[in-house]
Amino acid sequence: MWESLGRPAYLAKQFNAGTYTYRYVMHDSVTYNASVGYRFGANANAWVRGTRVRLGVVNLADKAPPLASGQSAYSPAINQSMVQGRTFTVELAKSF
């Protein structure tokens, strides 16, 4: 079958335990996350003194996970954070 398809690059032929097996080649993917934070110091207003604020973005470019074989069409062990798409986070912490 692999030969009749013209040896497609998206399938890899491997010899394993005396027989050939074929697997889907999952392409590499790179995602970027970013965050910025600020801590209010001792000279800040009493309401915000000792407060930390942090804003973040997961999957900054909103890149879709690469296709993989399986029921979900992606590899949850590798690409779990990409499934939701771009997500934003907010962290607010106060010291008393």
Protein backbone atom coordinates (compact mmCIF):
# COMPACT_ATOMS: atom_id res chain seq x y z
CA MET A 1 0.00 0.00 0.00
CA TRP A 2 2.79 2.45 0.95
CA GLU A 3 4.52 1.77 -2.38
CA SER A 4 1.29 2.28 -4.34
CA LEU A 5 0.83 5.68 -2.63
CA GLY A 6 4.23 6.76 -3.96
CA ARG A 7 6.08 6.44 -0.61
CA PRO A 8 4.51 9.53 0.99
CA ALA A 9 6.71 11.48 3.41
CA TYR A 10 3.93 11.66 6.00
CA LEU A 11 4.27 7.88 6.54
CA ALA A 12 7.45 6.25 7.84
CA LYS A 13 8.22 2.62 7.02
CA GLN A 14 9.97 0.76 9.84
CA PHE A 15 11.17 -2.81 10.21
CA ASN A 16 10.14 -4.16 13.59
CA ALA A 17 10.18 -7.76 14.90
CA GLY A 18 10.46 -9.31 11.46
CA THR A 19 7.76 -7.24 9.78
CA TYR A 20 7.30 -3.76 8.36
CA THR A 21 5.10 -1.28 10.15
CA TYR A 22 3.99 2.16 9.05
CA ARG A 23 3.51 5.16 11.28
CA TYR A 24 2.28 8.67 10.74
CA VAL A 25 5.09 11.22 10.99
CA MET A 26 4.05 14.02 13.33
CA HIS A 27 5.63 17.36 12.44
CA ASP A 28 7.50 19.53 14.91
CA SER A 29 5.76 22.53 16.36
CA VAL A 30 6.95 25.48 18.38
CA THR A 31 4.78 27.66 20.55
CA TYR A 32 5.58 30.76 22.52
CA ASN A 33 4.30 31.81 25.90
CA ALA A 34 4.82 35.25 27.43
CA SER A 35 4.18 36.92 30.75
CA VAL A 36 4.84 40.23 32.45
CA GLY A 37 4.59 41.03 36.12
CA TYR A 38 4.85 43.91 38.54
CA ARG A 39 5.31 44.05 42.32
CA PHE A 40 4.15 47.14 44.19
CA GLY A 41 6.82 48.22 46.68
CA ALA A 42 6.80 49.78 50.13
CA ASN A 43 6.29 53.30 48.70
CA ALA A 44 3.03 52.38 46.92
CA ASN A 45 -0.47 53.30 48.06
CA ALA A 46 -1.61 51.29 51.11
CA TRP A 47 -4.27 49.47 49.03
CA VAL A 48 -1.74 47.98 46.59
CA ARG A 49 1.39 47.79 48.79
CA GLY A 50 2.76 44.22 48.79
CA THR A 51 0.66 43.24 45.77
CA ARG A 52 1.94 41.31 42.75
CA VAL A 53 0.20 41.36 39.38
CA ARG A 54 1.14 39.00 36.57
CA LEU A 55 -0.44 38.77 33.09
CA GLY A 56 0.36 35.93 30.72
CA VAL A 57 -0.46 34.46 27.33
CA VAL A 58 -0.16 30.75 26.51
CA ASN A 59 0.26 29.87 22.81
CA LEU A 60 0.93 33.47 21.83
CA ALA A 61 0.57 32.84 18.07
CA ASP A 62 -2.67 30.82 18.54
CA LYS A 63 -1.11 27.90 16.66
CA ALA A 64 -3.16 24.71 16.19
CA PRO A 65 -1.61 21.43 17.35
CA PRO A 66 -0.10 19.23 14.64
CA LEU A 67 -2.18 16.30 13.47
CA ALA A 68 -1.38 12.88 14.90
CA SER A 69 -2.87 9.43 14.64
CA GLY A 70 -5.39 8.49 17.27
CA GLN A 71 -8.96 9.21 18.28
CA SER A 72 -8.45 12.89 19.06
CA ALA A 73 -6.23 13.63 16.00
CA TYR A 74 -3.55 15.18 18.22
CA SER A 75 -1.17 13.83 20.84
CA PRO A 76 -2.44 14.89 24.27
CA ALA A 77 0.85 13.86 25.89
CA ILE A 78 2.74 16.38 23.76
CA ASN A 79 0.31 19.04 22.59
CA GLN A 80 -2.19 19.41 25.44
CA SER A 81 -1.54 23.14 25.93
CA MET A 82 -2.18 23.88 22.24
CA VAL A 83 -5.66 22.35 22.07
CA GLN A 84 -7.40 25.30 23.77
CA GLY A 85 -5.76 27.78 21.41
CA ARG A 86 -4.51 31.06 22.81
CA THR A 87 -5.32 31.49 26.50
CA PHE A 88 -4.76 34.37 28.87
CA THR A 89 -3.84 34.20 32.53
CA VAL A 90 -4.06 36.72 35.34
CA GLU A 91 -2.41 36.27 38.73
CA LEU A 92 -3.02 38.60 41.63
CA ALA A 93 -1.31 38.04 44.98
CA LYS A 94 -1.18 40.21 48.11
CA SER A 95 1.18 39.91 51.08
CA PHE A 96 -0.22 40.85 54.47
